Amino acid sequence: MIQDFQCADTHALFLRRRVPRFANIEAVALRKLAQLNAATTLDFLRVPPGNRLEALQGDRKGQHSIRINEQWRLCFVWCDGRAHRVEITDYH
């Protein structure tokens, strides 16, 4: 379940508001946000394999991500069965 958002635009998209910078990824991003919101365990996000769930390193250590596409990721901190500080980010 999503507890809170790091990014106002990600929260707006989750609420089904139009966010121009996410226009090209809107449908997939909404599906990934729904998966994250439904997750009760981190392992839930391993399926489908295309999510490519991974623990991040470097300045994002402590966060996990699932892929929206090759450019965009849905990043979050998983704690106590909930997703915190959720944001869609251009990872490159």
N, C-alpha and C. Protein backbone atom coordinates (compact mmCIF):
# COMPACT_ATOMS: atom_id res chain seq x y z
N MET A 1 0.84 -1.18 0.00
CA MET A 1 0.00 0.00 0.00
C MET A 1 0.89 1.24 0.00
N ILE A 2 0.48 2.24 -0.75
CA ILE A 2 1.22 3.50 -0.78
C ILE A 2 0.83 4.33 0.43
N GLN A 3 1.84 4.73 1.19
CA GLN A 3 1.62 5.53 2.38
C GLN A 3 1.75 7.03 2.08
N ASP A 4 2.80 7.41 1.32
CA ASP A 4 3.00 8.82 1.01
C ASP A 4 3.85 8.97 -0.25
N PHE A 5 3.89 10.19 -0.75
CA PHE A 5 4.57 10.49 -2.00
C PHE A 5 5.71 11.48 -1.78
N GLN A 6 6.80 11.27 -2.49
CA GLN A 6 7.94 12.18 -2.50
C GLN A 6 7.72 13.30 -3.52
N CYS A 7 6.90 13.02 -4.52
CA CYS A 7 6.74 13.89 -5.68
C CYS A 7 5.26 14.25 -5.87
N ALA A 8 4.97 15.54 -5.92
CA ALA A 8 3.59 16.01 -6.09
C ALA A 8 3.00 15.54 -7.42
N ASP A 9 3.81 15.52 -8.49
CA ASP A 9 3.31 15.07 -9.79
C ASP A 9 2.93 13.58 -9.76
N THR A 10 3.71 12.78 -9.06
CA THR A 10 3.39 11.36 -8.94
C THR A 10 2.08 11.18 -8.19
N HIS A 11 1.90 11.94 -7.13
CA HIS A 11 0.65 11.88 -6.36
C HIS A 11 -0.53 12.31 -7.23
N ALA A 12 -0.35 13.37 -8.00
CA ALA A 12 -1.42 13.84 -8.89
C ALA A 12 -1.79 12.76 -9.90
N LEU A 13 -0.81 12.11 -10.49
CA LEU A 13 -1.09 11.04 -11.45
C LEU A 13 -1.83 9.89 -10.76
N PHE A 14 -1.42 9.53 -9.56
CA PHE A 14 -2.10 8.48 -8.79
C PHE A 14 -3.57 8.82 -8.58
N LEU A 15 -3.86 10.11 -8.42
CA LEU A 15 -5.24 10.58 -8.25
C LEU A 15 -5.95 10.76 -9.59
N ARG A 16 -5.28 10.31 -10.66
CA ARG A 16 -5.79 10.34 -12.04
C ARG A 16 -5.94 11.74 -12.60
N ARG A 17 -5.07 12.62 -12.18
CA ARG A 17 -5.01 13.95 -12.77
C ARG A 17 -3.97 13.92 -13.89
N ARG A 18 -4.17 14.74 -14.88
CA ARG A 18 -3.22 14.82 -16.00
C ARG A 18 -1.94 15.50 -15.54
N VAL A 19 -0.82 14.88 -15.87
CA VAL A 19 0.49 15.44 -15.58
C VAL A 19 1.25 15.45 -16.90
N PRO A 20 1.44 16.64 -17.50
CA PRO A 20 2.04 16.71 -18.84
C PRO A 20 3.38 15.98 -18.98
N ARG A 21 4.24 16.04 -17.99
CA ARG A 21 5.55 15.40 -18.15
C ARG A 21 5.47 13.87 -18.14
N PHE A 22 4.35 13.32 -17.69
CA PHE A 22 4.15 11.88 -17.70
C PHE A 22 3.21 11.42 -18.81
N ALA A 23 2.86 12.30 -19.73
CA ALA A 23 1.87 11.99 -20.77
C ALA A 23 2.22 10.72 -21.56
N ASN A 24 3.49 10.54 -21.91
CA ASN A 24 3.89 9.39 -22.73
C ASN A 24 3.92 8.07 -21.96
N ILE A 25 3.92 8.13 -20.64
CA ILE A 25 4.01 6.91 -19.84
C ILE A 25 2.79 6.73 -18.93
N GLU A 26 1.78 7.55 -19.12
CA GLU A 26 0.64 7.60 -18.20
C GLU A 26 0.00 6.24 -17.95
N ALA A 27 -0.35 5.52 -18.99
CA ALA A 27 -1.07 4.25 -18.82
C ALA A 27 -0.23 3.23 -18.05
N VAL A 28 1.03 3.08 -18.43
CA VAL A 28 1.89 2.11 -17.74
C VAL A 28 2.17 2.58 -16.32
N ALA A 29 2.41 3.87 -16.13
CA ALA A 29 2.69 4.39 -14.79
C ALA A 29 1.50 4.18 -13.86
N LEU A 30 0.29 4.39 -14.35
CA LEU A 30 -0.90 4.15 -13.53
C LEU A 30 -1.01 2.68 -13.14
N ARG A 31 -0.69 1.79 -14.07
CA ARG A 31 -0.74 0.36 -13.77
C ARG A 31 0.30 -0.01 -12.70
N LYS A 32 1.50 0.54 -12.82
CA LYS A 32 2.55 0.26 -11.84
C LYS A 32 2.20 0.86 -10.47
N LEU A 33 1.62 2.04 -10.45
CA LEU A 33 1.18 2.64 -9.19
C LEU A 33 0.10 1.79 -8.53
N ALA A 34 -0.81 1.25 -9.34
CA ALA A 34 -1.86 0.37 -8.80
C ALA A 34 -1.25 -0.91 -8.22
N GLN A 35 -0.25 -1.47 -8.90
CA GLN A 35 0.43 -2.66 -8.38
C GLN A 35 1.11 -2.35 -7.05
N LEU A 36 1.79 -1.21 -6.99
CA LEU A 36 2.47 -0.82 -5.76
C LEU A 36 1.46 -0.61 -4.64
N ASN A 37 0.35 0.01 -4.95
CA ASN A 37 -0.67 0.27 -3.94
C ASN A 37 -1.30 -1.04 -3.42
N ALA A 38 -1.38 -2.04 -4.28
CA ALA A 38 -1.97 -3.33 -3.89
C ALA A 38 -0.99 -4.25 -3.17
N ALA A 39 0.29 -3.94 -3.25
CA ALA A 39 1.32 -4.81 -2.68
C ALA A 39 1.24 -4.87 -1.16
N THR A 40 1.31 -6.09 -0.65
CA THR A 40 1.35 -6.29 0.80
C THR A 40 2.74 -6.75 1.25
N THR A 41 3.53 -7.21 0.28
CA THR A 41 4.92 -7.57 0.54
C THR A 41 5.76 -7.08 -0.63
N LEU A 42 7.04 -6.92 -0.38
CA LEU A 42 7.94 -6.49 -1.45
C LEU A 42 8.00 -7.55 -2.55
N ASP A 43 7.94 -8.83 -2.17
CA ASP A 43 7.99 -9.91 -3.16
C ASP A 43 6.82 -9.88 -4.13
N PHE A 44 5.69 -9.30 -3.72
CA PHE A 44 4.53 -9.15 -4.59
C PHE A 44 4.92 -8.42 -5.88
N LEU A 45 5.90 -7.53 -5.79
CA LEU A 45 6.30 -6.70 -6.93
C LEU A 45 7.27 -7.40 -7.88
N ARG A 46 7.67 -8.62 -7.54
CA ARG A 46 8.57 -9.37 -8.44
C ARG A 46 7.82 -9.89 -9.67
N VAL A 47 6.51 -9.91 -9.61
CA VAL A 47 5.68 -10.37 -10.72
C VAL A 47 4.86 -9.19 -11.21
N PRO A 48 4.85 -8.92 -12.50
CA PRO A 48 5.53 -9.64 -13.56
C PRO A 48 7.03 -9.34 -13.56
N PRO A 49 7.82 -10.23 -14.17
CA PRO A 49 9.27 -10.03 -14.20
C PRO A 49 9.68 -8.71 -14.84
N GLY A 50 8.84 -8.17 -15.72
CA GLY A 50 9.13 -6.89 -16.36
C GLY A 50 9.22 -5.73 -15.39
N ASN A 51 8.71 -5.92 -14.17
CA ASN A 51 8.85 -4.87 -13.16
C ASN A 51 10.32 -4.63 -12.82
N ARG A 52 11.12 -5.67 -12.91
CA ARG A 52 12.54 -5.61 -12.58
C ARG A 52 12.76 -4.95 -11.21
N LEU A 53 12.09 -5.46 -10.22
CA LEU A 53 12.25 -4.95 -8.87
C LEU A 53 13.71 -5.02 -8.47
N GLU A 54 14.23 -3.91 -7.96
CA GLU A 54 15.62 -3.93 -7.50
C GLU A 54 15.83 -2.96 -6.34
N ALA A 55 16.78 -3.32 -5.49
CA ALA A 55 17.23 -2.43 -4.43
C ALA A 55 18.24 -1.47 -5.05
N LEU A 56 18.08 -0.19 -4.79
CA LEU A 56 18.95 0.81 -5.40
C LEU A 56 20.20 1.04 -4.56
N GLN A 57 21.21 1.61 -5.19
CA GLN A 57 22.51 1.84 -4.56
C GLN A 57 22.84 3.33 -4.58
N GLY A 58 24.00 3.66 -4.09
CA GLY A 58 24.49 5.04 -4.15
C GLY A 58 23.64 5.99 -3.34
N ASP A 59 23.31 7.14 -3.95
CA ASP A 59 22.53 8.15 -3.22
C ASP A 59 21.08 7.74 -3.04
N ARG A 60 20.68 6.64 -3.64
CA ARG A 60 19.32 6.11 -3.47
C ARG A 60 19.30 4.83 -2.64
N LYS A 61 20.40 4.58 -1.92
CA LYS A 61 20.46 3.39 -1.06
C LYS A 61 19.31 3.43 -0.06
N GLY A 62 18.66 2.29 0.13
CA GLY A 62 17.49 2.20 1.00
C GLY A 62 16.19 2.26 0.24
N GLN A 63 16.27 2.62 -1.05
CA GLN A 63 15.10 2.66 -1.90
C GLN A 63 15.06 1.42 -2.79
N HIS A 64 13.88 1.14 -3.31
CA HIS A 64 13.68 0.11 -4.32
C HIS A 64 13.05 0.78 -5.54
N SER A 65 13.08 0.07 -6.65
CA SER A 65 12.40 0.59 -7.83
C SER A 65 11.81 -0.54 -8.64
N ILE A 66 10.77 -0.18 -9.39
CA ILE A 66 10.27 -1.03 -10.46
C ILE A 66 10.27 -0.17 -11.72
N ARG A 67 10.47 -0.82 -12.84
CA ARG A 67 10.60 -0.08 -14.09
C ARG A 67 9.26 0.20 -14.73
N ILE A 68 9.14 1.41 -15.22
CA ILE A 68 8.00 1.77 -16.05
C ILE A 68 8.38 1.50 -17.50
N ASN A 69 9.57 1.94 -17.87
CA ASN A 69 10.18 1.63 -19.16
C ASN A 69 11.70 1.77 -18.99
N GLU A 70 12.44 1.82 -20.06
CA GLU A 70 13.90 1.91 -19.95
C GLU A 70 14.35 3.23 -19.32
N GLN A 71 13.56 4.28 -19.48
CA GLN A 71 13.94 5.60 -18.98
C GLN A 71 13.38 5.90 -17.59
N TRP A 72 12.16 5.52 -17.33
CA TRP A 72 11.45 5.92 -16.12
C TRP A 72 11.32 4.78 -15.12
N ARG A 73 11.47 5.13 -13.84
CA ARG A 73 11.30 4.15 -12.76
C ARG A 73 10.37 4.71 -11.69
N LEU A 74 9.70 3.80 -11.03
CA LEU A 74 8.89 4.13 -9.87
C LEU A 74 9.74 3.76 -8.65
N CYS A 75 10.22 4.77 -7.93
CA CYS A 75 11.10 4.57 -6.78
C CYS A 75 10.33 4.76 -5.49
N PHE A 76 10.73 4.02 -4.46
CA PHE A 76 10.02 4.08 -3.18
C PHE A 76 10.88 3.46 -2.09
N VAL A 77 10.53 3.77 -0.86
CA VAL A 77 11.12 3.14 0.32
C VAL A 77 10.07 2.17 0.87
N TRP A 78 10.46 0.91 1.07
CA TRP A 78 9.53 -0.10 1.60
C TRP A 78 9.79 -0.26 3.09
N CYS A 79 8.77 -0.02 3.89
CA CYS A 79 8.90 -0.11 5.34
C CYS A 79 7.57 -0.55 5.96
N ASP A 80 7.62 -1.56 6.81
CA ASP A 80 6.43 -2.04 7.52
C ASP A 80 5.28 -2.39 6.58
N GLY A 81 5.59 -2.99 5.44
CA GLY A 81 4.56 -3.43 4.51
C GLY A 81 3.91 -2.33 3.70
N ARG A 82 4.56 -1.18 3.64
CA ARG A 82 4.01 -0.04 2.90
C ARG A 82 5.09 0.67 2.10
N ALA A 83 4.66 1.32 1.02
CA ALA A 83 5.56 2.11 0.19
C ALA A 83 5.52 3.56 0.65
N HIS A 84 6.68 4.11 0.91
CA HIS A 84 6.82 5.49 1.35
C HIS A 84 7.67 6.26 0.34
N ARG A 85 7.50 7.58 0.33
CA ARG A 85 8.30 8.47 -0.52
C ARG A 85 8.29 8.01 -1.99
N VAL A 86 7.10 7.71 -2.48
CA VAL A 86 6.92 7.20 -3.85
C VAL A 86 7.12 8.33 -4.85
N GLU A 87 7.90 8.04 -5.89
CA GLU A 87 8.11 9.03 -6.95
C GLU A 87 8.42 8.34 -8.27
N ILE A 88 7.96 8.96 -9.34
CA ILE A 88 8.34 8.54 -10.68
C ILE A 88 9.53 9.41 -11.06
N THR A 89 10.60 8.76 -11.46
CA THR A 89 11.81 9.51 -11.76
C THR A 89 12.45 9.06 -13.07
N ASP A 90 13.03 10.02 -13.77
CA ASP A 90 13.83 9.75 -14.96
C ASP A 90 15.18 9.30 -14.44
N TYR A 91 15.44 8.02 -14.52
CA TYR A 91 16.60 7.44 -13.85
C TYR A 91 17.92 7.75 -14.55
N HIS A 92 17.87 8.25 -15.76
CA HIS A 92 19.14 8.48 -16.49
C HIS A 92 19.44 9.94 -16.63
